[in-house]
Protein backbone atom coordinates (compact mmCIF):
# COMPACT_ATOMS: atom_id res chain seq x y z
CA UNK A 1 -25.13 7.70 -24.71
CA UNK A 2 -23.35 7.74 -21.34
CA UNK A 3 -20.04 9.46 -20.63
CA UNK A 4 -17.86 8.77 -17.59
CA UNK A 5 -15.37 11.19 -16.01
CA UNK A 6 -12.84 9.30 -13.85
CA UNK A 7 -10.45 11.01 -11.48
CA UNK A 8 -8.36 10.34 -8.38
CA UNK A 9 -8.25 12.50 -5.23
CA UNK A 10 -5.48 12.45 -2.63
CA UNK A 11 -6.23 13.35 0.99
CA UNK A 12 -3.97 14.67 3.76
CA UNK A 13 -3.66 11.28 5.48
CA UNK A 14 -2.15 9.75 2.29
CA UNK A 15 -5.45 8.07 1.41
CA UNK A 16 -6.65 8.20 -2.16
CA UNK A 17 -10.06 7.67 -3.69
CA UNK A 18 -11.08 7.05 -7.26
CA UNK A 19 -14.24 8.81 -8.35
CA UNK A 20 -16.45 8.40 -11.37
CA UNK A 21 -19.20 10.67 -12.55
CA UNK A 22 -21.44 8.92 -15.06
CA UNK A 23 -23.52 11.31 -17.15
CA UNK A 24 -26.55 9.42 -18.42
CA UNK A 25 -28.30 10.01 -21.75
CA UNK A 26 -25.82 12.62 -22.94
CA UNK A 27 -27.07 14.77 -25.82
CA UNK A 28 -24.08 17.19 -26.00
CA UNK A 29 -20.76 17.72 -24.28
CA UNK A 30 -17.90 20.21 -24.40
CA UNK A 31 -14.42 20.49 -22.91
CA UNK A 32 -12.66 23.85 -22.66
CA UNK A 33 -8.99 24.31 -21.77
CA UNK A 34 -8.39 26.16 -18.51
CA UNK A 35 -6.78 28.97 -20.51
CA UNK A 36 -9.95 29.54 -22.52
CA UNK A 37 -12.68 29.06 -19.91
CA UNK A 38 -14.88 32.17 -20.10
CA UNK A 39 -17.15 31.43 -17.09
CA UNK A 40 -16.65 29.24 -14.05
CA UNK A 41 -20.33 28.99 -12.99
CA UNK A 42 -19.02 28.31 -9.42
CA UNK A 43 -17.94 24.90 -10.73
CA UNK A 44 -14.37 24.75 -9.35
CA UNK A 45 -14.00 21.12 -8.17
CA UNK A 46 -17.80 21.09 -7.84
CA UNK A 47 -20.41 19.64 -10.16
CA UNK A 48 -23.17 22.19 -10.69
CA UNK A 49 -26.45 22.09 -12.53
CA UNK A 50 -27.29 25.32 -14.32
CA UNK A 51 -30.91 26.37 -13.91
CA UNK A 52 -30.74 29.01 -16.63
CA UNK A 53 -28.77 27.83 -19.63
CA UNK A 54 -28.54 29.47 -23.03
CA UNK A 55 -27.29 26.14 -24.40
CA UNK A 56 -30.45 24.36 -23.18
CA UNK A 57 -32.64 27.15 -24.53
CA UNK A 58 -31.06 26.80 -27.97
CA UNK A 59 -31.47 23.01 -27.99
CA UNK A 60 -35.15 23.34 -27.10
CA UNK A 61 -35.65 25.74 -30.00
CA UNK A 62 -33.95 23.28 -32.39
CA UNK A 63 -36.06 20.27 -31.41
CA UNK A 64 -38.69 20.82 -28.73
CA UNK A 65 -40.27 17.38 -29.14
CA UNK A 66 -37.08 15.43 -28.36
CA UNK A 67 -36.07 18.00 -25.74
CA UNK A 68 -39.35 17.38 -23.90
CA UNK A 69 -38.80 13.62 -24.15
CA UNK A 70 -35.22 13.63 -22.78
CA UNK A 71 -35.72 16.46 -20.25
CA UNK A 72 -32.00 17.31 -20.31
CA UNK A 73 -30.09 19.37 -17.76
CA UNK A 74 -26.88 21.37 -18.10
CA UNK A 75 -24.04 20.17 -15.83
CA UNK A 76 -20.65 21.88 -15.42
CA UNK A 77 -17.47 20.94 -13.54
CA UNK A 78 -14.03 22.58 -13.60
CA UNK A 79 -10.81 20.73 -12.68
CA UNK A 80 -7.65 22.74 -12.04
CA UNK A 81 -5.08 21.74 -14.66
CA UNK A 82 -7.68 20.10 -16.91
CA UNK A 83 -10.24 22.77 -17.66
CA UNK A 84 -14.00 22.84 -17.75
CA UNK A 85 -16.35 20.04 -18.76
CA UNK A 86 -19.96 20.64 -19.68
CA UNK A 87 -22.66 18.08 -20.35
CA UNK A 88 -26.23 18.24 -21.55
CA UNK A 89 -27.60 15.03 -20.07
CA UNK A 90 -30.61 13.59 -18.35
CA UNK A 91 -28.86 12.87 -15.05
CA UNK A 92 -25.60 11.88 -13.37
CA UNK A 93 -24.44 9.28 -10.84
CA UNK A 94 -21.31 9.54 -8.68
CA UNK A 95 -19.40 6.48 -7.44
CA UNK A 96 -16.25 6.26 -5.34
CA UNK A 97 -13.70 3.64 -4.34
CA UNK A 98 -10.94 3.91 -1.80
CA UNK A 99 -7.52 3.05 -3.25
CA UNK A 100 -5.53 0.61 -1.14
């Protein structure tokens, strides 16, 4: 039930780092092309957690018992050139490695 987003960042001093964001206990996910992204949620190159989420509200209505067990959160990140990624998951973990 985990999903990993992997990406590479280049810095001004020609250093590069590989990053991974592991979303744990994913219940739902969605990817939207950058041309069809209706809202950014201030998520440009930034992972945000939405406090008020219509998606979460709808999931709780569908199955409140499992919703209360998993205690999911709504995470959003937007990458220029790739679009927006949204996850309903329990939590996330970020790891990084410098590329030699």
